[in-house]
Amino acid sequence: MFEPPEIALQRLVRDVPDFPEPGVVFKDITPLLADHTAFANVIAALADVGRDADGNPAVDKVVGMEARGFILAAPVALALGVGFVPVRKAGKLPGATHAVSYSLEYGEATLEIHQDGVAPGDRVLLVDDVLATGGTVAATEELVTKCGGAVHAVAVLMELSFLPGRATIGDLPLTALATI
């Protein structure tokens, strides 16, 4: 039975207060991942962001951000028939990388991408679980640009409307399956 992704997210994403630190409400997506039908519907909805009006892939790569973005972006790439590229925390990729440091909702981080992960001219769909402050998306866009690619759009499960994520990412086309 088809359940709209927004309903599935409301039903299956649980709030975990004070994780990973006091004052933060963590959005736990593991119940969603454990529900095959809901997970499949969410992946299909995220993949649609990377398609043109005729249903063909409009992107050459799907980039997922560590760590929960990997879980979503890899099957989105498979659904689109394009490659998946991970963006990882500093020191986790074995080859030559580009790096960008940025601020998180509760700290600072550095992200890296393999220098050859995105080819010049590649159109890229960024996929992550939550858009919060927008720092991860903005840093990832910068990494894609350093490789010579261009971000086509951003697709996330949830946008936290009480944080400045949308303003931080500027004019990047954003699709959030749910806004909280």
C-alpha atoms as a PDB file:
ATOM      1  CA  MET A   1       0.000   0.000   0.000  1.00  0.00           C
ATOM      2  CA  PHE A   2       1.340   3.419  -0.939  1.00  0.00           C
ATOM      3  CA  GLU A   3       1.775   5.838   1.919  1.00  0.00           C
ATOM      4  CA  PRO A   4       2.865   9.393   1.048  1.00  0.00           C
ATOM      5  CA  PRO A   5       6.443   9.963   2.240  1.00  0.00           C
ATOM      6  CA  GLU A   6       5.422  12.848   4.505  1.00  0.00           C
ATOM      7  CA  ILE A   7       2.976  10.581   6.371  1.00  0.00           C
ATOM      8  CA  ALA A   8       5.583   7.821   6.642  1.00  0.00           C
ATOM      9  CA  LEU A   9       8.082  10.313   8.055  1.00  0.00           C
ATOM     10  CA  GLN A  10       5.581  11.539  10.646  1.00  0.00           C
ATOM     11  CA  ARG A  11       4.824   7.957  11.628  1.00  0.00           C
ATOM     12  CA  LEU A  12       8.329   6.479  11.589  1.00  0.00           C
ATOM     13  CA  VAL A  13      10.855   9.195  12.494  1.00  0.00           C
ATOM     14  CA  ARG A  14      11.221   9.509  16.233  1.00  0.00           C
ATOM     15  CA  ASP A  15      12.560  12.391  18.269  1.00  0.00           C
ATOM     16  CA  VAL A  16      15.401  11.656  20.675  1.00  0.00           C
ATOM     17  CA  PRO A  17      15.819  14.592  23.075  1.00  0.00           C
ATOM     18  CA  ASP A  18      19.246  15.715  24.245  1.00  0.00           C
ATOM     19  CA  PHE A  19      21.179  13.657  21.671  1.00  0.00           C
ATOM     20  CA  PRO A  20      24.033  13.966  20.849  1.00  0.00           C
ATOM     21  CA  GLU A  21      24.155  16.723  23.452  1.00  0.00           C
ATOM     22  CA  PRO A  22      21.728  18.585  25.747  1.00  0.00           C
ATOM     23  CA  GLY A  23      19.283  20.842  23.934  1.00  0.00           C
ATOM     24  CA  VAL A  24      19.431  18.984  20.586  1.00  0.00           C
ATOM     25  CA  VAL A  25      16.439  16.928  19.440  1.00  0.00           C
ATOM     26  CA  PHE A  26      17.833  14.188  17.182  1.00  0.00           C
ATOM     27  CA  LYS A  27      15.637  12.889  14.357  1.00  0.00           C
ATOM     28  CA  ASP A  28      16.077   9.086  14.410  1.00  0.00           C
ATOM     29  CA  ILE A  29      15.340   7.625  10.960  1.00  0.00           C
ATOM     30  CA  THR A  30      16.118   3.993  11.832  1.00  0.00           C
ATOM     31  CA  PRO A  31      12.418   2.996  12.160  1.00  0.00           C
ATOM     32  CA  LEU A  32      11.846   4.377   8.637  1.00  0.00           C
ATOM     33  CA  LEU A  33      14.796   2.371   7.305  1.00  0.00           C
ATOM     34  CA  ALA A  34      13.376  -0.804   8.883  1.00  0.00           C
ATOM     35  CA  ASP A  35      10.031  -0.408   7.061  1.00  0.00           C
ATOM     36  CA  HIS A  36      10.629  -1.720   3.521  1.00  0.00           C
ATOM     37  CA  THR A  37       7.573  -0.106   1.922  1.00  0.00           C
ATOM     38  CA  ALA A  38       8.057   3.299   3.530  1.00  0.00           C
ATOM     39  CA  PHE A  39      11.794   3.258   2.768  1.00  0.00           C
ATOM     40  CA  ALA A  40      11.154   2.322  -0.882  1.00  0.00           C
ATOM     41  CA  ASN A  41       8.583   5.119  -1.236  1.00  0.00           C
ATOM     42  CA  VAL A  42      10.948   7.661   0.296  1.00  0.00           C
ATOM     43  CA  ILE A  43      13.801   6.610  -2.019  1.00  0.00           C
ATOM     44  CA  ALA A  44      11.491   6.903  -5.047  1.00  0.00           C
ATOM     45  CA  ALA A  45      10.414  10.399  -3.956  1.00  0.00           C
ATOM     46  CA  LEU A  46      14.016  11.518  -3.432  1.00  0.00           C
ATOM     47  CA  ALA A  47      15.035  10.060  -6.812  1.00  0.00           C
ATOM     48  CA  ASP A  48      12.256  12.024  -8.527  1.00  0.00           C
ATOM     49  CA  VAL A  49      14.139  15.208  -7.619  1.00  0.00           C
ATOM     50  CA  GLY A  50      16.938  14.034  -9.912  1.00  0.00           C
ATOM     51  CA  ARG A  51      14.651  13.440 -12.919  1.00  0.00           C
ATOM     52  CA  ASP A  52      13.547  15.756 -15.700  1.00  0.00           C
ATOM     53  CA  ALA A  53       9.924  16.338 -16.735  1.00  0.00           C
ATOM     54  CA  ASP A  54      10.006  13.173 -18.887  1.00  0.00           C
ATOM     55  CA  GLY A  55      11.238  11.023 -16.001  1.00  0.00           C
ATOM     56  CA  ASN A  56      14.807  10.695 -17.281  1.00  0.00           C
ATOM     57  CA  PRO A  57      17.830  11.280 -15.053  1.00  0.00           C
ATOM     58  CA  ALA A  58      18.749  14.970 -15.013  1.00  0.00           C
ATOM     59  CA  VAL A  59      21.922  14.327 -13.031  1.00  0.00           C
ATOM     60  CA  ASP A  60      25.185  12.470 -13.581  1.00  0.00           C
ATOM     61  CA  LYS A  61      25.974  11.753  -9.921  1.00  0.00           C
ATOM     62  CA  VAL A  62      24.275  11.581  -6.547  1.00  0.00           C
ATOM     63  CA  VAL A  63      26.338  12.856  -3.618  1.00  0.00           C
ATOM     64  CA  GLY A  64      25.506  11.718  -0.090  1.00  0.00           C
ATOM     65  CA  MET A  65      26.882  13.285   3.047  1.00  0.00           C
ATOM     66  CA  GLU A  66      28.204  11.273   5.967  1.00  0.00           C
ATOM     67  CA  ALA A  67      26.687   9.396   7.500  1.00  0.00           C
ATOM     68  CA  ARG A  68      22.938   9.054   7.122  1.00  0.00           C
ATOM     69  CA  GLY A  69      23.083  10.705   3.718  1.00  0.00           C
ATOM     70  CA  PHE A  70      24.950   7.597   2.485  1.00  0.00           C
ATOM     71  CA  ILE A  71      22.019   5.383   3.441  1.00  0.00           C
ATOM     72  CA  LEU A  72      19.655   7.489   1.332  1.00  0.00           C
ATOM     73  CA  ALA A  73      21.887   8.648  -1.522  1.00  0.00           C
ATOM     74  CA  ALA A  74      23.220   5.255  -2.605  1.00  0.00           C
ATOM     75  CA  PRO A  75      19.779   3.751  -3.381  1.00  0.00           C
ATOM     76  CA  VAL A  76      18.726   7.063  -4.988  1.00  0.00           C
ATOM     77  CA  ALA A  77      21.724   6.775  -7.322  1.00  0.00           C
ATOM     78  CA  LEU A  78      20.734   3.195  -8.165  1.00  0.00           C
ATOM     79  CA  ALA A  79      17.148   4.283  -8.853  1.00  0.00           C
ATOM     80  CA  LEU A  80      18.432   6.977 -11.221  1.00  0.00           C
ATOM     81  CA  GLY A  81      21.008   4.720 -12.884  1.00  0.00           C
ATOM     82  CA  VAL A  82      23.885   7.076 -12.022  1.00  0.00           C
ATOM     83  CA  GLY A  83      26.955   6.952  -9.785  1.00  0.00           C
ATOM     84  CA  PHE A  84      27.091   7.599  -6.055  1.00  0.00           C
ATOM     85  CA  VAL A  85      29.813   9.769  -4.485  1.00  0.00           C
ATOM     86  CA  PRO A  86      30.350   9.926  -0.721  1.00  0.00           C
ATOM     87  CA  VAL A  87      31.286  13.103   1.114  1.00  0.00           C
ATOM     88  CA  ARG A  88      33.058  12.057   4.292  1.00  0.00           C
ATOM     89  CA  LYS A  89      34.499  13.476   7.470  1.00  0.00           C
ATOM     90  CA  ALA A  90      38.140  14.508   7.263  1.00  0.00           C
ATOM     91  CA  GLY A  91      40.646  11.692   7.001  1.00  0.00           C
ATOM     92  CA  LYS A  92      38.194   8.961   5.937  1.00  0.00           C
ATOM     93  CA  LEU A  93      38.829   8.926   2.174  1.00  0.00           C
ATOM     94  CA  PRO A  94      41.991   7.214   0.905  1.00  0.00           C
ATOM     95  CA  GLY A  95      42.702   9.267  -2.225  1.00  0.00           C
ATOM     96  CA  ALA A  96      43.479  12.904  -2.996  1.00  0.00           C
ATOM     97  CA  THR A  97      40.645  15.064  -1.669  1.00  0.00           C
ATOM     98  CA  HIS A  98      39.199  18.540  -1.560  1.00  0.00           C
ATOM     99  CA  ALA A  99      38.222  19.688   1.966  1.00  0.00           C
ATOM    100  CA  VAL A 100      35.855  22.301   3.392  1.00  0.00           C
ATOM    101  CA  SER A 101      35.301  23.218   7.051  1.00  0.00           C
ATOM    102  CA  TYR A 102      31.923  24.495   8.239  1.00  0.00           C
ATOM    103  CA  SER A 103      29.663  25.006  11.269  1.00  0.00           C
ATOM    104  CA  LEU A 104      27.075  22.482  12.433  1.00  0.00           C
ATOM    105  CA  GLU A 105      24.024  22.979  14.639  1.00  0.00           C
ATOM    106  CA  TYR A 106      26.151  21.747  17.544  1.00  0.00           C
ATOM    107  CA  GLY A 107      29.799  22.192  16.548  1.00  0.00           C
ATOM    108  CA  GLU A 108      32.222  22.373  13.643  1.00  0.00           C
ATOM    109  CA  ALA A 109      33.318  19.803  11.064  1.00  0.00           C
ATOM    110  CA  THR A 110      35.397  19.289   7.955  1.00  0.00           C
ATOM    111  CA  LEU A 111      34.100  17.369   4.945  1.00  0.00           C
ATOM    112  CA  GLU A 112      36.081  15.867   2.086  1.00  0.00           C
ATOM    113  CA  ILE A 113      35.379  14.515  -1.394  1.00  0.00           C
ATOM    114  CA  HIS A 114      37.723  12.634  -3.702  1.00  0.00           C
ATOM    115  CA  GLN A 115      39.087  15.102  -6.234  1.00  0.00           C
ATOM    116  CA  ASP A 116      37.975  12.778  -9.035  1.00  0.00           C
ATOM    117  CA  GLY A 117      34.612  11.869  -7.457  1.00  0.00           C
ATOM    118  CA  VAL A 118      32.751  14.424  -9.553  1.00  0.00           C
ATOM    119  CA  ALA A 119      33.961  15.140 -13.077  1.00  0.00           C
ATOM    120  CA  PRO A 120      34.028  18.638 -14.557  1.00  0.00           C
ATOM    121  CA  GLY A 121      30.597  19.386 -15.956  1.00  0.00           C
ATOM    122  CA  ASP A 122      28.781  16.722 -13.903  1.00  0.00           C
ATOM    123  CA  ARG A 123      25.304  17.657 -12.722  1.00  0.00           C
ATOM    124  CA  VAL A 124      24.876  16.531  -9.128  1.00  0.00           C
ATOM    125  CA  LEU A 125      21.959  15.776  -6.826  1.00  0.00           C
ATOM    126  CA  LEU A 126      22.809  16.253  -3.138  1.00  0.00           C
ATOM    127  CA  VAL A 127      20.934  13.903  -0.790  1.00  0.00           C
ATOM    128  CA  ASP A 128      20.845  14.029   3.001  1.00  0.00           C
ATOM    129  CA  ASP A 129      18.469  13.200   5.809  1.00  0.00           C
ATOM    130  CA  VAL A 130      17.919  16.595   7.463  1.00  0.00           C
ATOM    131  CA  LEU A 131      18.437  20.199   6.426  1.00  0.00           C
ATOM    132  CA  ALA A 132      19.145  22.049   9.673  1.00  0.00           C
ATOM    133  CA  THR A 133      21.579  24.976   9.608  1.00  0.00           C
ATOM    134  CA  GLY A 134      22.498  24.307   5.972  1.00  0.00           C
ATOM    135  CA  GLY A 135      26.211  24.105   6.709  1.00  0.00           C
ATOM    136  CA  THR A 136      26.610  20.547   5.452  1.00  0.00           C
ATOM    137  CA  VAL A 137      24.796  21.290   2.186  1.00  0.00           C
ATOM    138  CA  ALA A 138      26.709  24.538   1.618  1.00  0.00           C
ATOM    139  CA  ALA A 139      30.042  22.806   2.307  1.00  0.00           C
ATOM    140  CA  THR A 140      29.119  19.934  -0.010  1.00  0.00           C
ATOM    141  CA  GLU A 141      28.128  22.332  -2.781  1.00  0.00           C
ATOM    142  CA  GLU A 142      31.549  23.966  -2.390  1.00  0.00           C
ATOM    143  CA  LEU A 143      33.233  20.555  -2.677  1.00  0.00           C
ATOM    144  CA  VAL A 144      31.273  19.690  -5.834  1.00  0.00           C
ATOM    145  CA  THR A 145      32.228  23.065  -7.321  1.00  0.00           C
ATOM    146  CA  LYS A 146      35.916  22.471  -6.481  1.00  0.00           C
ATOM    147  CA  CYS A 147      35.669  19.267  -8.555  1.00  0.00           C
ATOM    148  CA  GLY A 148      34.188  21.207 -11.479  1.00  0.00           C
ATOM    149  CA  GLY A 149      30.625  19.930 -11.056  1.00  0.00           C
ATOM    150  CA  ALA A 150      27.387  21.811 -10.509  1.00  0.00           C
ATOM    151  CA  VAL A 151      24.647  21.094  -8.006  1.00  0.00           C
ATOM    152  CA  HIS A 152      21.366  20.463  -9.816  1.00  0.00           C
ATOM    153  CA  ALA A 153      19.247  20.204  -6.658  1.00  0.00           C
ATOM    154  CA  VAL A 154      19.136  19.166  -3.013  1.00  0.00           C
ATOM    155  CA  ALA A 155      16.778  16.466  -1.716  1.00  0.00           C
ATOM    156  CA  VAL A 156      16.274  15.789   1.998  1.00  0.00           C
ATOM    157  CA  LEU A 157      13.863  13.815   4.121  1.00  0.00           C
ATOM    158  CA  MET A 158      13.176  16.691   6.497  1.00  0.00           C
ATOM    159  CA  GLU A 159      13.741  20.410   6.681  1.00  0.00           C
ATOM    160  CA  LEU A 160      13.861  21.918  10.154  1.00  0.00           C
ATOM    161  CA  SER A 161      12.060  25.201   9.498  1.00  0.00           C
ATOM    162  CA  PHE A 162      13.097  26.707  12.848  1.00  0.00           C
ATOM    163  CA  LEU A 163      16.756  26.665  11.746  1.00  0.00           C
ATOM    164  CA  PRO A 164      18.298  28.790   8.949  1.00  0.00           C
ATOM    165  CA  GLY A 165      19.092  25.974   6.505  1.00  0.00           C
ATOM    166  CA  ARG A 166      17.099  27.304   3.576  1.00  0.00           C
ATOM    167  CA  ALA A 167      18.631  30.771   3.909  1.00  0.00           C
ATOM    168  CA  THR A 168      22.135  29.289   4.203  1.00  0.00           C
ATOM    169  CA  ILE A 169      21.882  27.339   0.941  1.00  0.00           C
ATOM    170  CA  GLY A 170      20.589  30.348  -0.989  1.00  0.00           C
ATOM    171  CA  ASP A 171      19.209  29.681  -4.459  1.00  0.00           C
ATOM    172  CA  LEU A 172      19.878  25.935  -4.568  1.00  0.00           C
ATOM    173  CA  PRO A 173      16.658  24.135  -5.533  1.00  0.00           C
ATOM    174  CA  LEU A 174      15.526  22.254  -2.424  1.00  0.00           C
ATOM    175  CA  THR A 175      12.998  19.468  -2.035  1.00  0.00           C
ATOM    176  CA  ALA A 176      12.153  18.368   1.501  1.00  0.00           C
ATOM    177  CA  LEU A 177       9.748  15.456   1.866  1.00  0.00           C
ATOM    178  CA  ALA A 178       8.578  16.970   5.174  1.00  0.00           C
ATOM    179  CA  THR A 179       9.009  20.332   6.883  1.00  0.00           C
ATOM    180  CA  ILE A 180       9.084  20.424  10.649  1.00  0.00           C
END
